[in-house]
Amino acid sequence: LIEKETQRCKTIIENLMKFARQEKTQLEATDVNRVVEDAVAIVNHQMELNRVRLVKDLASDLPMAHGNGNQLQQILLNLVLNAQQAMEGTGGKIRITTGRTGDGKVEVRISDTGPGIPKEIQARLFEPFFTTKPAGKGTGLGLSVTYGIVKDHKGEILVESEPGQGATFIIRFPPVQEGGNGNENANGNANG
């Protein structure tokens, strides 16, 4: 019990450090579909154990995003695990969709068939230390860290949900521009 609780404390401190740390993120041309595939490979077994079916719908013509693969994977893992936990062992489905928005951004949608998120909770989802999980089950830092990573990537994160109808988290990132006509692309084009 002491060992388990010590590990939990370590995880909380690590999450707090990630949240507090203001490191400059190294961004480069990133294949978001590959990041999705890798994230799914990590959590697929856990999803099966919890009777959650993971479905991927990946766009074949997706441009490279200006991002950091490890951090994008952390975002996906946070959102997929939150969705699985929201279904509370009742099973269900999580769909990860990639695509391109009308203005050319790279978009990832994580949708679940869980209970949905009430509007008053949606407004607080990304606040540090806000959690709806029981004591000992969550720190309220996962979505704050996710929000910080998305902002570091000059992206946006939105949530769409109605109680009883599941939830969809939508993340949009700028693509790597062709021809290097933007300052944010310096890292991606320097290697090309």
Protein backbone atom coordinates (compact mmCIF):
# COMPACT_ATOMS: atom_id res chain seq x y z
CA LEU A 1 0.00 0.00 0.00
CA ILE A 2 2.83 2.41 0.88
CA GLU A 3 4.59 1.57 -2.38
CA LYS A 4 1.40 2.13 -4.39
CA GLU A 5 0.67 5.48 -2.72
CA THR A 6 4.30 6.58 -3.12
CA GLN A 7 4.05 5.86 -6.85
CA ARG A 8 0.81 7.87 -6.99
CA CYS A 9 2.53 10.81 -5.25
CA LYS A 10 5.41 10.58 -7.72
CA THR A 11 2.97 10.72 -10.64
CA ILE A 12 1.18 13.73 -9.16
CA ILE A 13 4.48 15.56 -8.67
CA GLU A 14 5.60 14.71 -12.23
CA ASN A 15 2.31 16.05 -13.61
CA LEU A 16 2.64 19.18 -11.50
CA MET A 17 6.19 19.71 -12.80
CA LYS A 18 5.02 19.26 -16.41
CA PHE A 19 2.27 21.77 -15.79
CA ALA A 20 4.58 24.31 -14.12
CA ARG A 21 7.58 23.91 -16.43
CA GLN A 22 7.84 26.56 -19.12
CA GLU A 23 10.21 24.76 -21.49
CA LYS A 24 10.47 25.86 -25.09
CA THR A 25 8.93 23.12 -27.17
CA GLN A 26 11.02 21.90 -30.11
CA LEU A 27 8.60 21.79 -33.06
CA GLU A 28 9.18 20.04 -36.38
CA ALA A 29 7.25 18.47 -39.23
CA THR A 30 5.19 15.73 -37.56
CA ASP A 31 3.05 12.98 -39.08
CA VAL A 32 -0.08 13.15 -36.90
CA ASN A 33 -1.43 9.87 -38.29
CA ARG A 34 1.76 8.11 -37.14
CA VAL A 35 1.38 9.70 -33.68
CA VAL A 36 -2.21 8.38 -33.53
CA GLU A 37 -1.09 4.89 -34.56
CA ASP A 38 1.63 4.86 -31.89
CA ALA A 39 -0.75 6.13 -29.17
CA VAL A 40 -3.36 3.50 -30.08
CA ALA A 41 -0.71 0.76 -29.93
CA ILE A 42 0.14 1.85 -26.37
CA VAL A 43 -3.43 1.86 -25.00
CA ASN A 44 -5.22 -0.70 -27.15
CA HIS A 45 -4.79 -3.59 -24.70
CA GLN A 46 -6.04 -1.50 -21.77
CA MET A 47 -9.06 -0.47 -23.86
CA GLU A 48 -9.86 -4.11 -24.65
CA LEU A 49 -9.65 -5.01 -20.94
CA ASN A 50 -12.23 -2.28 -20.25
CA ARG A 51 -14.48 -3.39 -23.15
CA VAL A 52 -13.80 -0.18 -25.08
CA ARG A 53 -13.42 -0.46 -28.82
CA LEU A 54 -10.92 1.96 -30.38
CA VAL A 55 -11.75 2.98 -33.95
CA LYS A 56 -9.38 4.97 -36.16
CA ASP A 57 -10.51 7.02 -39.14
CA LEU A 58 -7.31 8.59 -40.46
CA ALA A 59 -7.24 10.94 -43.46
CA SER A 60 -4.87 9.73 -46.17
CA ASP A 61 -4.06 13.26 -47.43
CA LEU A 62 -3.22 14.77 -44.05
CA PRO A 63 -0.46 17.40 -44.21
CA MET A 64 2.41 17.31 -41.74
CA ALA A 65 1.68 19.31 -38.59
CA HIS A 66 4.11 21.73 -37.01
CA GLY A 67 4.56 19.93 -33.70
CA ASN A 68 6.37 17.65 -31.29
CA GLY A 69 5.47 13.97 -31.71
CA ASN A 70 6.04 12.98 -28.07
CA GLN A 71 3.90 15.81 -26.75
CA LEU A 72 1.14 15.17 -29.29
CA GLN A 73 1.15 11.53 -28.21
CA GLN A 74 0.81 12.66 -24.57
CA ILE A 75 -2.27 14.70 -25.56
CA LEU A 76 -3.86 11.71 -27.28
CA LEU A 77 -3.11 9.36 -24.40
CA ASN A 78 -4.61 11.81 -21.88
CA LEU A 79 -7.79 12.22 -23.92
CA VAL A 80 -8.24 8.52 -24.74
CA LEU A 81 -7.66 7.44 -21.13
CA ASN A 82 -10.06 10.12 -19.87
CA ALA A 83 -12.69 8.90 -22.34
CA GLN A 84 -12.21 5.28 -21.23
CA GLN A 85 -12.48 6.29 -17.56
CA ALA A 86 -15.63 8.32 -18.28
CA MET A 87 -17.30 5.12 -19.51
CA GLU A 88 -16.68 3.62 -16.03
CA GLY A 89 -16.16 0.02 -17.11
CA THR A 90 -19.46 -0.13 -18.99
CA GLY A 91 -17.67 -0.47 -22.32
CA GLY A 92 -18.25 1.62 -25.37
CA LYS A 93 -16.41 3.08 -28.32
CA ILE A 94 -13.74 5.74 -28.82
CA ARG A 95 -13.24 7.05 -32.34
CA ILE A 96 -10.08 8.94 -33.32
CA THR A 97 -10.48 10.88 -36.55
CA THR A 98 -7.88 12.94 -38.37
CA GLY A 99 -8.59 15.44 -41.11
CA ARG A 100 -8.08 18.93 -42.43
CA THR A 101 -10.20 21.95 -41.58
CA GLY A 102 -11.52 24.36 -44.19
CA ASP A 103 -8.66 26.75 -43.43
CA GLY A 104 -6.04 23.99 -43.79
CA LYS A 105 -5.31 23.15 -40.16
CA VAL A 106 -4.61 19.58 -39.07
CA GLU A 107 -7.49 18.35 -36.94
CA VAL A 108 -7.78 15.41 -34.55
CA ARG A 109 -11.13 14.42 -33.01
CA ILE A 110 -11.46 12.02 -30.09
CA SER A 111 -15.11 11.01 -29.63
CA ASP A 112 -16.55 8.65 -27.05
CA THR A 113 -19.90 7.04 -26.31
CA GLY A 114 -19.71 7.92 -22.61
CA PRO A 115 -22.17 9.86 -20.47
CA GLY A 116 -21.23 13.28 -21.85
CA ILE A 117 -20.07 16.38 -20.01
CA PRO A 118 -22.52 18.90 -18.52
CA LYS A 119 -22.08 22.50 -19.76
CA GLU A 120 -21.08 23.86 -16.33
CA ILE A 121 -18.24 21.30 -16.15
CA GLN A 122 -17.13 21.96 -19.75
CA ALA A 123 -16.39 25.56 -18.77
CA ARG A 124 -13.87 24.38 -16.13
CA LEU A 125 -12.30 21.35 -17.82
CA PHE A 126 -8.91 22.92 -18.49
CA GLU A 127 -8.50 24.60 -15.09
CA PRO A 128 -5.57 23.29 -13.04
CA PHE A 129 -6.62 20.89 -10.28
CA PHE A 130 -10.26 20.72 -11.42
CA THR A 131 -11.44 17.12 -11.47
CA THR A 132 -14.73 15.25 -11.28
CA LYS A 133 -12.95 12.04 -10.28
CA PRO A 134 -13.18 10.77 -6.70
CA ALA A 135 -10.35 11.51 -4.25
CA GLY A 136 -7.26 9.49 -5.07
CA LYS A 137 -8.31 8.89 -8.70
CA GLY A 138 -7.25 12.11 -10.40
CA THR A 139 -5.21 15.25 -9.85
CA GLY A 140 -7.02 17.61 -12.20
CA LEU A 141 -3.78 18.23 -14.10
CA GLY A 142 -4.18 15.99 -17.18
CA LEU A 143 -6.36 18.37 -19.18
CA SER A 144 -4.41 21.42 -17.95
CA VAL A 145 -1.19 19.87 -19.24
CA THR A 146 -2.98 18.97 -22.48
CA TYR A 147 -4.23 22.55 -22.87
CA GLY A 148 -0.71 23.91 -22.28
CA ILE A 149 0.81 21.60 -24.90
CA VAL A 150 -1.84 22.58 -27.46
CA LYS A 151 -1.18 26.29 -26.82
CA ASP A 152 2.60 25.72 -27.14
CA HIS A 153 1.84 24.26 -30.57
CA LYS A 154 -0.16 27.40 -31.50
CA GLY A 155 -3.18 25.15 -31.70
CA GLU A 156 -6.64 25.10 -30.17
CA ILE A 157 -8.65 22.53 -28.23
CA LEU A 158 -12.43 22.46 -28.03
CA VAL A 159 -14.99 20.15 -26.49
CA GLU A 160 -18.44 19.29 -27.81
CA SER A 161 -20.75 17.32 -25.58
CA GLU A 162 -24.33 16.85 -24.54
CA PRO A 163 -25.22 14.86 -21.42
CA GLY A 164 -26.05 11.28 -22.38
CA GLN A 165 -24.52 11.64 -25.86
CA GLY A 166 -20.79 11.24 -25.31
CA ALA A 167 -18.07 13.83 -25.75
CA THR A 168 -15.78 14.94 -28.56
CA PHE A 169 -12.47 16.71 -28.01
CA ILE A 170 -11.26 18.57 -31.09
CA ILE A 171 -7.63 19.61 -31.46
CA ARG A 172 -6.38 21.74 -34.35
CA PHE A 173 -2.75 22.45 -35.22
CA PRO A 174 -1.11 24.59 -37.87
CA PRO A 175 0.33 22.57 -40.76
CA VAL A 176 3.91 22.86 -41.95
CA GLN A 177 3.77 25.54 -44.64
CA GLU A 178 5.13 24.89 -48.11
CA GLY A 179 8.04 27.12 -49.13
CA GLY A 180 8.96 28.28 -45.59
CA ASN A 181 7.05 31.56 -45.62
CA GLY A 182 6.44 31.69 -41.87
CA ASN A 183 8.68 32.02 -38.82
CA GLU A 184 6.98 29.09 -37.10
CA ASN A 185 8.33 26.78 -39.81
CA ALA A 186 12.02 27.43 -39.30
CA ASN A 187 12.66 24.13 -37.52
CA GLY A 188 10.71 22.05 -40.01
CA ASN A 189 12.39 23.58 -43.06
CA ALA A 190 15.91 23.70 -41.64
CA ASN A 191 16.14 19.92 -41.97
CA GLY A 192 14.69 19.75 -45.48
